[in-house]
Amino acid sequence: MAARNRDDIIRLNGIEAERKITLPMCKTHFAKQPMKVQKGMQQYIYDDAGSEYLDCCGNIAHVGHCHPRVAHMGKKQLEILCTAQGFVTDVQSSYTKKLLTTVPPGLFDTVLLVNSGSEAVDLALRLAQNYTKRKDIICNQPSVFGHSSTLASFNYRYIKHTDFKPYSWVHHIPICNSYRGAYADSPTPVEDALAHMKDLILELEKKKTPVAGYLLETINTSGGNLISPTEYLTAATKLVKDAGGLVIVDEVLAGLGRLGMHWWPFQHFNFKPDILVCGRSLGNGQPLSAVLTTQAIACSILEYANSYGGNPVSCAMGMAVLEVISDEGMLLSSTAVGNHLKSGLTSLIDKHHNLGDVRGIGLSLVLDIVEAQTSKKPSKDIAERLSYLLRDKYKILVPADGPDGNCLFINPPLCFSLDNSRKLVQSVDLALTDVENGVTETVKSLYELNEEFQIPGDIFDGFMKRRPSSCDDDSVACKMARIEQELD
């Protein structure tokens, strides 16, 4: 098929250019009305008109956008050395040892560094299959896990919404949850889910294709924050291990202290994985992911190479992230703020019939939006309206997503405060009231007015450049000036 006219595409500006070039096939927040962002600071994002938004979906900026300590370490290392994998560096050695201190003693002794969560999960599957000399993998659904050709077979976005057919060696089992999924209406969800797991393991053994591994998210973030009971996770992982398989836990989104109290979600539940996959948050925006396991499992593959995995700049920034979490008490903060936030949001259930459930732990929460609490029928339409109202009217970023498009995901940077929590609860309360009262119009940002009326973009550039070099008030311009001074 012939390409579109290149020159016509190049002449487009702003969001319209992105719509034509990348957005049609790439997932983006607020897809119907994309927003263009220009700056980030702590738990705030600024669009190119200077409007400030409370970022409740910034899970990649784990310790806050443009954290001065993380940015400084990245800049400092970039001026010293940035090279491909294949050399021994002190910064990589220090980082891998520091990362190992975040897991319980005696569990892992080897760290393999890569760039993305997809790479890390793909490598973990390869390790499990090589170590067990088996092929078949069991995984929970709905989950995402990644977007490579292999991981498409594990990703509900392809399985549920396209005619894609998963590999025959990938076996899906429903997540054991009492609100959503196959066991929601069962009086004995744990027993039913475990029976399903037992039957599947036995079926694979009869077919002479025994299980190689069980891939799961302790808290299936992208699938709607469905959390399985501890008794299920303990028993299900034991069944897999007793059958000779390995347990692979994907903590890419919910890990590194997001749930509070512990560094990793599996520590909140009574089971021990054989392989831990982590990423996304490790580099606070710098591509950095990792696979933690034992030397015996890691050595089941003869050789592994990754050009940029564990490069010195990524490791320096990753080290800074670990230090910031410890030094700024973010494990405790995630617990306290998360509990306050969940309590406040849960209190709205009795007040608003479109709020079906509030799920999650710490600073990983989901609002399940429904047509009515009695039916629990997902409402994508109401969730989208709430999402845009929160953005345009209340200046809070809470995207709608999930298997049915009805979940509002709350995964803010860990510097999210109690004041932020109060503001979010109050705004969700008001937005739900708006929806109940039929409010549908959204407030257009200056950027959208620019797109509509073709205001010259340099007007906004000038606004950004005229920020004062130093000031003490809480205006948008002063906040952004102060963070730039810290980075310099």
Protein backbone atom coordinates (compact mmCIF):
# COMPACT_ATOMS: atom_id res chain seq x y z
CA MET A 1 0.00 0.00 0.00
CA ALA A 2 1.38 3.42 -0.93
CA ALA A 3 2.40 5.85 1.81
CA ARG A 4 0.58 9.10 2.35
CA ASN A 5 2.10 12.26 0.93
CA ARG A 6 5.15 12.94 3.09
CA ASP A 7 5.24 16.69 2.47
CA ASP A 8 1.59 17.08 3.52
CA ILE A 9 2.35 15.26 6.76
CA ILE A 10 5.46 17.31 7.49
CA ARG A 11 3.55 20.58 7.11
CA LEU A 12 1.15 19.68 9.94
CA ASN A 13 1.74 21.17 13.39
CA GLY A 14 1.20 20.16 17.00
CA ILE A 15 -1.33 17.54 18.00
CA GLU A 16 -2.72 17.30 14.49
CA ALA A 17 0.70 16.14 13.28
CA GLU A 18 0.85 13.54 16.02
CA ARG A 19 -2.65 12.34 15.17
CA LYS A 20 -1.59 11.74 11.58
CA ILE A 21 1.85 10.26 12.24
CA THR A 22 1.74 8.23 15.48
CA LEU A 23 -1.45 8.54 17.53
CA PRO A 24 -3.73 6.44 15.30
CA MET A 25 -1.74 3.30 16.12
CA CYS A 26 -0.06 4.23 19.42
CA LYS A 27 -1.89 4.23 22.73
CA THR A 28 -2.11 7.64 24.37
CA HIS A 29 -3.86 9.12 27.38
CA PHE A 30 -7.05 11.04 26.58
CA ALA A 31 -7.06 9.75 23.00
CA LYS A 32 -10.19 11.66 21.95
CA GLN A 33 -8.70 14.98 23.04
CA PRO A 34 -4.93 14.49 23.46
CA MET A 35 -3.03 16.99 25.56
CA LYS A 36 0.47 18.23 24.83
CA VAL A 37 2.73 18.40 27.87
CA GLN A 38 5.93 20.37 28.15
CA LYS A 39 7.21 20.28 31.73
CA GLY A 40 7.06 18.09 34.79
CA MET A 41 7.87 18.83 38.42
CA GLN A 42 7.36 16.44 41.33
CA GLN A 43 3.70 15.32 41.12
CA TYR A 44 2.72 18.00 38.60
CA ILE A 45 2.68 18.21 34.81
CA TYR A 46 2.39 21.41 32.77
CA ASP A 47 1.01 21.76 29.28
CA ASP A 48 2.58 24.14 26.80
CA ALA A 49 0.12 26.86 27.81
CA GLY A 50 1.50 26.72 31.35
CA SER A 51 -1.54 25.06 32.97
CA GLU A 52 -0.68 22.91 35.97
CA TYR A 53 -2.16 19.42 36.42
CA LEU A 54 -1.93 17.06 39.36
CA ASP A 55 -0.47 13.91 37.82
CA CYS A 56 -2.20 10.78 39.08
CA CYS A 57 -0.91 8.55 36.29
CA GLY A 58 2.83 9.36 36.43
CA ASN A 59 3.99 5.92 37.49
CA ILE A 60 7.15 6.16 35.36
CA ALA A 61 8.28 9.33 37.16
CA HIS A 62 8.33 7.16 40.26
CA VAL A 63 9.87 9.56 42.77
CA GLY A 64 8.56 12.66 41.00
CA HIS A 65 9.02 14.39 37.68
CA CYS A 66 12.52 15.82 37.20
CA HIS A 67 13.65 14.90 40.71
CA PRO A 68 16.80 17.03 41.14
CA ARG A 69 18.86 14.22 42.65
CA VAL A 70 18.00 11.75 39.91
CA ALA A 71 18.48 14.33 37.14
CA HIS A 72 21.81 15.42 38.60
CA MET A 73 23.17 11.86 38.75
CA GLY A 74 22.12 11.20 35.15
CA LYS A 75 23.73 14.41 33.91
CA LYS A 76 26.90 13.79 35.91
CA GLN A 77 27.30 10.22 34.61
CA LEU A 78 26.54 11.27 31.03
CA GLU A 79 29.50 13.63 31.22
CA ILE A 80 31.78 10.82 32.41
CA LEU A 81 30.83 7.65 30.52
CA CYS A 82 27.90 6.12 28.67
CA THR A 83 28.73 2.93 26.85
CA ALA A 84 27.04 -0.24 25.70
CA GLN A 85 26.87 -3.41 27.78
CA GLY A 86 29.98 -5.56 27.54
CA PHE A 87 32.28 -3.59 29.85
CA VAL A 88 32.54 -3.81 33.63
CA THR A 89 31.71 -0.53 35.38
CA ASP A 90 31.59 0.40 39.05
CA VAL A 91 28.23 2.11 38.67
CA GLN A 92 26.56 -1.02 37.27
CA SER A 93 28.09 -3.21 39.96
CA SER A 94 27.00 -0.82 42.71
CA TYR A 95 23.49 -0.58 41.33
CA THR A 96 22.88 -4.32 40.98
CA LYS A 97 24.10 -4.91 44.54
CA LYS A 98 21.87 -2.11 45.82
CA LEU A 99 18.87 -3.55 43.95
CA LEU A 100 19.45 -6.96 45.55
CA THR A 101 19.13 -5.39 49.00
CA THR A 102 15.48 -4.56 48.26
CA VAL A 103 14.43 -8.24 48.16
CA PRO A 104 14.29 -10.71 51.09
CA PRO A 105 17.64 -12.39 51.89
CA GLY A 106 18.31 -15.74 50.25
CA LEU A 107 15.76 -15.28 47.48
CA PHE A 108 17.82 -13.96 44.55
CA ASP A 109 21.51 -13.53 43.83
CA THR A 110 21.60 -12.50 40.16
CA VAL A 111 20.46 -9.37 38.31
CA LEU A 112 20.09 -9.09 34.53
CA LEU A 113 19.58 -5.52 33.31
CA VAL A 114 17.51 -4.60 30.25
CA ASN A 115 15.69 -1.52 28.95
CA SER A 116 11.94 -2.18 29.14
CA GLY A 117 9.35 -4.25 30.91
CA SER A 118 8.60 -6.17 27.71
CA GLU A 119 12.26 -7.13 27.36
CA ALA A 120 12.38 -8.19 31.00
CA VAL A 121 9.27 -10.39 30.83
CA ASP A 122 10.45 -11.91 27.56
CA LEU A 123 13.80 -12.77 29.16
CA ALA A 124 12.08 -14.22 32.24
CA LEU A 125 10.02 -16.56 30.05
CA ARG A 126 13.16 -17.64 28.23
CA LEU A 127 14.88 -18.39 31.55
CA ALA A 128 11.95 -20.45 32.84
CA GLN A 129 11.69 -22.45 29.63
CA ASN A 130 15.42 -23.09 29.40
CA TYR A 131 15.80 -24.02 33.08
CA THR A 132 12.85 -26.45 33.14
CA LYS A 133 13.45 -27.64 29.54
CA ARG A 134 9.72 -27.14 29.03
CA LYS A 135 7.65 -24.76 26.92
CA ASP A 136 4.16 -24.24 28.33
CA ILE A 137 3.35 -21.16 30.42
CA ILE A 138 0.27 -20.45 32.54
CA CYS A 139 -0.68 -16.80 33.01
CA ASN A 140 -3.41 -14.81 34.72
CA GLN A 141 -5.88 -12.79 32.69
CA PRO A 142 -6.75 -10.01 32.18
CA SER A 143 -3.14 -8.77 32.22
CA VAL A 144 -0.80 -6.99 29.82
CA PHE A 145 2.80 -8.17 30.53
CA GLY A 146 4.21 -6.53 27.37
CA HIS A 147 3.94 -5.81 23.67
CA SER A 148 6.56 -7.95 21.90
CA SER A 149 5.53 -10.57 19.34
CA THR A 150 5.77 -13.24 22.02
CA LEU A 151 4.03 -11.26 24.73
CA ALA A 152 1.05 -10.44 22.53
CA SER A 153 -0.14 -13.94 23.49
CA PHE A 154 -0.19 -12.82 27.13
CA ASN A 155 -1.76 -9.39 26.57
CA TYR A 156 -5.50 -8.90 26.95
CA ARG A 157 -5.40 -5.89 24.61
CA TYR A 158 -4.65 -8.23 21.70
CA ILE A 159 -6.58 -11.25 22.96
CA LYS A 160 -9.80 -9.42 23.87
CA HIS A 161 -9.99 -6.67 21.26
CA THR A 162 -8.57 -8.27 18.09
CA ASP A 163 -8.74 -11.58 16.24
CA PHE A 164 -5.20 -12.40 17.38
CA LYS A 165 -4.71 -16.08 18.30
CA PRO A 166 -2.29 -16.77 21.16
CA TYR A 167 0.44 -19.39 20.91
CA SER A 168 -0.73 -22.89 21.77
CA TRP A 169 1.79 -23.10 24.63
CA VAL A 170 0.26 -20.09 26.42
CA HIS A 171 -2.58 -20.97 28.79
CA HIS A 172 -4.85 -18.33 30.37
CA ILE A 173 -6.61 -18.67 33.69
CA PRO A 174 -8.94 -16.04 35.21
CA ILE A 175 -7.73 -13.96 38.12
CA CYS A 176 -9.28 -14.97 41.41
CA ASN A 177 -11.23 -11.87 42.43
CA SER A 178 -14.54 -11.47 44.20
CA TYR A 179 -15.74 -8.35 42.32
CA ARG A 180 -14.77 -8.92 38.68
CA GLY A 181 -14.04 -11.98 36.57
CA ALA A 182 -15.01 -15.62 36.34
CA TYR A 183 -15.25 -16.14 40.10
CA ALA A 184 -17.04 -12.90 41.06
CA ASP A 185 -20.37 -14.60 41.64
CA SER A 186 -18.97 -17.74 43.24
CA PRO A 187 -19.49 -18.35 46.96
CA THR A 188 -16.12 -20.15 46.98
CA PRO A 189 -13.85 -18.21 44.58
CA VAL A 190 -10.55 -19.44 46.02
CA GLU A 191 -11.55 -23.10 45.89
CA ASP A 192 -12.90 -22.74 42.36
CA ALA A 193 -9.80 -20.94 41.10
CA LEU A 194 -7.46 -23.50 42.65
CA ALA A 195 -9.48 -26.33 41.13
CA HIS A 196 -9.06 -24.66 37.73
CA MET A 197 -5.29 -24.45 38.25
CA LYS A 198 -5.07 -28.10 39.34
CA ASP A 199 -7.08 -29.27 36.34
CA LEU A 200 -4.92 -27.28 33.93
CA ILE A 201 -1.66 -28.60 35.38
CA LEU A 202 -2.96 -32.18 35.16
CA GLU A 203 -4.17 -31.64 31.61
CA LEU A 204 -0.74 -30.39 30.54
CA GLU A 205 0.95 -33.37 32.15
CA LYS A 206 -1.36 -35.76 30.32
CA LYS A 207 -0.49 -34.07 27.03
CA LYS A 208 3.24 -34.53 27.80
CA THR A 209 3.65 -30.74 27.86
CA PRO A 210 4.13 -30.03 31.58
CA VAL A 211 4.11 -26.50 32.90
CA ALA A 212 7.34 -24.52 32.63
CA GLY A 213 6.17 -21.49 34.55
CA TYR A 214 3.38 -19.43 36.01
CA LEU A 215 3.48 -15.76 34.98
CA LEU A 216 1.42 -13.45 37.17
CA GLU A 217 1.10 -9.93 38.49
CA THR A 218 0.58 -9.90 42.23
CA ILE A 219 -1.72 -6.96 41.63
CA ASN A 220 -2.76 -6.89 37.98
CA THR A 221 -2.44 -3.17 37.49
CA SER A 222 -3.28 -2.81 33.78
CA GLY A 223 -6.10 -5.34 34.07
CA GLY A 224 -7.99 -3.25 36.60
CA ASN A 225 -6.10 -3.78 39.89
CA LEU A 226 -7.75 -7.12 40.51
CA ILE A 227 -6.12 -8.60 43.60
CA SER A 228 -6.23 -12.30 44.40
CA PRO A 229 -6.50 -13.44 48.04
CA THR A 230 -3.30 -14.43 49.80
CA GLU A 231 -4.55 -17.99 50.29
CA TYR A 232 -5.03 -18.37 46.54
CA LEU A 233 -1.60 -16.99 45.61
CA THR A 234 0.13 -19.16 48.22
CA ALA A 235 -1.62 -22.35 47.12
CA ALA A 236 -1.52 -21.68 43.36
CA THR A 237 2.21 -20.94 43.29
CA LYS A 238 2.84 -24.07 45.36
CA LEU A 239 0.88 -26.17 42.86
CA VAL A 240 3.07 -24.88 40.01
CA LYS A 241 6.30 -25.45 41.92
CA ASP A 242 5.24 -28.95 42.96
CA ALA A 243 4.65 -29.68 39.26
CA GLY A 244 8.22 -28.62 38.44
CA GLY A 245 7.44 -25.16 37.10
CA LEU A 246 8.85 -21.76 38.07
CA VAL A 247 6.90 -18.79 39.42
CA ILE A 248 7.53 -15.54 37.52
CA VAL A 249 6.13 -12.40 39.13
CA ASP A 250 5.75 -9.24 37.05
CA GLU A 251 6.15 -6.21 39.34
CA VAL A 252 6.91 -3.76 36.52
CA LEU A 253 4.16 -1.28 37.37
CA ALA A 254 3.31 -1.92 41.02
CA GLY A 255 6.84 -2.52 42.34
CA LEU A 256 9.56 -0.46 44.02
CA GLY A 257 7.53 0.69 46.98
CA ARG A 258 4.35 1.79 45.23
CA LEU A 259 2.19 -0.37 47.52
CA GLY A 260 3.95 0.91 50.63
CA MET A 261 5.55 -0.98 53.55
CA HIS A 262 7.62 -3.25 51.30
CA TRP A 263 9.66 -2.75 48.14
CA TRP A 264 7.80 -5.40 46.14
CA PRO A 265 4.13 -6.46 45.95
CA PHE A 266 4.84 -10.18 46.42
CA GLN A 267 6.10 -9.34 49.94
CA HIS A 268 2.52 -8.39 50.87
CA PHE A 269 1.46 -11.97 50.14
CA ASN A 270 2.77 -15.27 51.41
CA PHE A 271 4.68 -16.70 48.44
CA LYS A 272 8.19 -16.63 47.00
CA PRO A 273 8.77 -16.21 43.26
CA ASP A 274 11.64 -17.84 41.37
CA ILE A 275 12.00 -14.88 39.02
CA LEU A 276 11.16 -11.22 39.69
CA VAL A 277 10.57 -8.85 36.77
CA CYS A 278 10.80 -5.12 37.47
CA GLY A 279 11.02 -1.97 35.40
CA ARG A 280 9.25 1.21 34.36
CA SER A 281 9.84 2.96 37.69
CA LEU A 282 13.47 1.90 38.16
CA GLY A 283 15.00 4.79 36.23
CA ASN A 284 12.36 7.46 36.95
CA GLY A 285 11.85 7.91 33.21
CA GLN A 286 15.24 6.61 32.04
CA PRO A 287 14.84 3.21 30.29
CA LEU A 288 15.85 0.65 32.91
CA SER A 289 14.37 -2.73 33.77
CA ALA A 290 15.67 -5.86 35.46
CA VAL A 291 15.21 -9.57 35.99
CA LEU A 292 16.17 -10.89 39.43
CA THR A 293 16.67 -14.62 39.90
CA THR A 294 19.21 -17.20 41.05
CA GLN A 295 22.49 -17.97 39.36
CA ALA A 296 21.34 -21.52 38.60
CA ILE A 297 18.31 -20.26 36.67
CA ALA A 298 20.24 -17.44 34.98
CA CYS A 299 22.95 -19.81 33.75
CA SER A 300 20.39 -21.97 31.97
CA ILE A 301 20.95 -19.72 28.96
CA LEU A 302 24.48 -19.93 27.58
CA GLU A 303 24.82 -16.27 26.75
CA TYR A 304 22.84 -13.07 27.05
CA ALA A 305 23.65 -9.66 25.59
CA ASN A 306 21.76 -6.38 25.60
CA SER A 307 23.34 -3.35 23.96
CA TYR A 308 22.03 -0.69 26.32
CA GLY A 309 20.74 -2.72 29.24
CA GLY A 310 22.49 -1.53 32.38
CA ASN A 311 24.37 1.30 30.70
CA PRO A 312 26.16 3.60 33.20
CA VAL A 313 23.71 6.51 32.86
CA SER A 314 20.68 4.31 33.53
CA CYS A 315 22.41 2.65 36.49
CA ALA A 316 23.42 6.00 37.98
CA MET A 317 19.84 7.25 37.78
CA GLY A 318 18.52 3.93 39.09
CA MET A 319 20.85 4.19 42.09
CA ALA A 320 19.58 7.69 42.77
CA VAL A 321 15.96 6.45 42.66
CA LEU A 322 16.69 3.79 45.29
CA GLU A 323 18.45 6.33 47.49
CA VAL A 324 15.61 8.86 47.18
CA ILE A 325 12.99 6.26 48.14
CA SER A 326 14.97 5.37 51.27
CA ASP A 327 16.13 8.85 52.24
CA GLU A 328 12.74 10.52 51.72
CA GLY A 329 10.77 7.76 53.50
CA MET A 330 8.63 6.95 50.49
CA LEU A 331 7.72 3.41 51.61
CA LEU A 332 6.07 4.83 54.72
CA SER A 333 4.58 7.74 52.78
CA SER A 334 3.03 5.44 50.16
CA THR A 335 1.38 3.50 52.97
CA ALA A 336 0.04 6.51 54.86
CA VAL A 337 -1.08 8.55 51.84
CA GLY A 338 -2.41 5.46 50.07
CA ASN A 339 -4.52 4.44 53.07
CA HIS A 340 -5.89 7.96 53.41
CA LEU A 341 -6.68 8.14 49.70
CA LYS A 342 -8.36 4.74 49.53
CA SER A 343 -10.42 5.47 52.64
CA GLY A 344 -11.62 8.76 51.19
CA LEU A 345 -12.47 7.31 47.79
CA THR A 346 -14.21 4.29 49.32
CA SER A 347 -16.42 6.63 51.35
CA LEU A 348 -17.83 7.95 48.06
CA ILE A 349 -19.33 4.56 47.12
CA ASP A 350 -22.39 5.11 49.34
CA LYS A 351 -22.85 8.57 47.84
CA HIS A 352 -22.51 7.86 44.10
CA HIS A 353 -24.24 4.97 42.33
CA ASN A 354 -21.76 5.03 39.42
CA LEU A 355 -18.81 4.17 41.67
CA GLY A 356 -18.86 0.40 41.97
CA ASP A 357 -15.59 -0.43 43.67
CA VAL A 358 -12.30 1.04 44.87
CA ARG A 359 -9.44 -1.45 44.59
CA GLY A 360 -5.76 -1.48 45.31
CA ILE A 361 -3.02 -1.01 47.86
CA GLY A 362 -0.88 2.02 48.64
CA LEU A 363 -0.55 4.35 45.65
CA SER A 364 -1.88 1.86 43.12
CA LEU A 365 -5.66 2.28 43.07
CA VAL A 366 -8.53 1.86 40.62
CA LEU A 367 -12.04 3.29 40.57
CA ASP A 368 -14.40 0.78 38.93
CA ILE A 369 -17.09 2.85 37.21
CA VAL A 370 -20.46 1.16 36.62
CA GLU A 371 -23.90 1.93 35.26
CA ALA A 372 -25.34 0.91 38.63
CA GLN A 373 -23.90 -0.69 41.73
CA THR A 374 -26.57 -3.39 41.71
CA SER A 375 -25.69 -4.62 38.22
CA LYS A 376 -21.92 -3.90 38.36
CA LYS A 377 -22.12 -3.45 34.58
CA PRO A 378 -18.99 -1.58 33.43
CA SER A 379 -19.59 1.89 32.01
CA LYS A 380 -16.87 3.03 29.64
CA ASP A 381 -18.85 6.12 28.70
CA ILE A 382 -19.18 7.41 32.26
CA ALA A 383 -15.53 6.59 33.01
CA GLU A 384 -14.39 8.63 30.01
CA ARG A 385 -16.62 11.56 30.96
CA LEU A 386 -15.22 11.51 34.49
CA SER A 387 -11.66 11.34 33.18
CA TYR A 388 -12.09 14.38 30.94
CA LEU A 389 -13.97 16.32 33.62
CA LEU A 390 -11.18 15.68 36.10
CA ARG A 391 -8.63 16.85 33.55
CA ASP A 392 -10.36 19.88 32.08
CA LYS A 393 -12.38 21.18 35.02
CA TYR A 394 -10.40 20.05 38.06
CA LYS A 395 -6.88 19.87 36.54
CA ILE A 396 -6.21 16.30 37.62
CA LEU A 397 -4.93 13.57 35.30
CA VAL A 398 -6.70 10.24 35.87
CA PRO A 399 -6.96 8.21 32.64
CA ALA A 400 -9.71 5.69 31.91
CA ASP A 401 -8.56 2.25 30.78
CA GLY A 402 -8.86 -1.45 31.57
CA PRO A 403 -10.39 -4.44 29.76
CA ASP A 404 -13.81 -2.76 29.63
CA GLY A 405 -12.52 0.81 29.53
CA ASN A 406 -14.36 1.61 32.78
CA CYS A 407 -11.49 1.88 35.24
CA LEU A 408 -9.95 5.13 36.42
CA PHE A 409 -6.31 4.37 37.24
CA ILE A 410 -4.55 6.21 40.08
CA ASN A 411 -0.79 5.63 40.05
CA PRO A 412 0.84 8.95 41.00
CA PRO A 413 4.52 9.63 41.75
CA LEU A 414 5.44 8.54 45.27
CA CYS A 415 5.87 12.17 46.37
CA PHE A 416 2.04 12.43 46.23
CA SER A 417 0.99 14.13 49.47
CA LEU A 418 -1.96 14.08 51.88
CA ASP A 419 -3.05 17.45 50.49
CA ASN A 420 -2.99 15.94 46.99
CA SER A 421 -5.05 13.03 48.33
CA ARG A 422 -7.68 15.37 49.77
CA LYS A 423 -7.87 17.33 46.53
CA LEU A 424 -8.30 14.15 44.49
CA VAL A 425 -11.07 12.78 46.72
CA GLN A 426 -12.92 16.11 46.64
CA SER A 427 -12.54 16.40 42.87
CA VAL A 428 -13.74 12.84 42.22
CA ASP A 429 -16.74 13.58 44.44
CA LEU A 430 -17.53 16.74 42.47
CA ALA A 431 -16.94 15.09 39.08
CA LEU A 432 -19.28 12.20 39.95
CA THR A 433 -21.87 14.77 40.99
CA ASP A 434 -21.35 16.59 37.68
CA VAL A 435 -22.00 13.38 35.76
CA GLU A 436 -25.11 12.65 37.80
CA ASN A 437 -26.35 16.17 37.04
CA GLY A 438 -25.73 15.76 33.33
CA VAL A 439 -22.65 17.98 33.03
CA THR A 440 -20.82 16.87 29.89
CA GLU A 441 -19.02 19.92 28.56
CA THR A 442 -15.31 20.14 29.17
CA VAL A 443 -13.27 23.29 29.58
CA LYS A 444 -10.94 23.85 26.64
CA SER A 445 -7.32 24.52 27.47
CA LEU A 446 -5.33 27.32 25.90
CA TYR A 447 -3.55 24.75 23.79
CA GLU A 448 -6.84 23.47 22.39
CA LEU A 449 -7.85 27.06 21.63
CA ASN A 450 -4.54 27.45 19.86
CA GLU A 451 -5.34 24.40 17.73
CA GLU A 452 -8.86 25.64 17.02
CA PHE A 453 -7.99 29.25 16.17
CA GLN A 454 -4.41 28.71 14.98
CA ILE A 455 -2.85 31.10 17.50
CA PRO A 456 0.90 31.29 16.74
CA GLY A 457 2.78 28.81 18.87
CA ASP A 458 5.55 31.26 19.73
CA ILE A 459 3.07 33.15 21.92
CA PHE A 460 3.17 30.19 24.29
CA ASP A 461 6.94 29.79 23.82
CA GLY A 462 7.34 33.38 24.91
CA PHE A 463 5.16 32.76 27.97
CA MET A 464 7.38 29.87 29.00
CA LYS A 465 10.61 31.80 28.36
CA ARG A 466 9.48 34.83 30.37
CA ARG A 467 9.37 32.92 33.64
CA PRO A 468 11.26 34.74 36.39
CA SER A 469 14.62 33.26 37.30
CA SER A 470 13.71 33.13 40.98
CA CYS A 471 10.65 33.81 43.11
CA ASP A 472 8.95 32.43 46.18
CA ASP A 473 5.25 32.29 45.39
CA ASP A 474 3.27 29.24 44.23
CA SER A 475 2.46 30.41 40.72
CA VAL A 476 3.08 28.00 37.86
CA ALA A 477 5.94 30.11 36.52
CA CYS A 478 7.73 30.28 39.86
CA LYS A 479 7.37 26.58 40.57
CA MET A 480 8.89 25.74 37.21
CA ALA A 481 11.68 28.29 37.67
CA ARG A 482 12.61 26.80 41.04
CA ILE A 483 12.83 23.24 39.71
CA GLU A 484 15.01 24.42 36.84
CA GLN A 485 17.35 26.11 39.31
CA GLU A 486 17.63 22.87 41.27
CA LEU A 487 18.48 20.94 38.11
CA ASP A 488 21.11 23.49 37.13
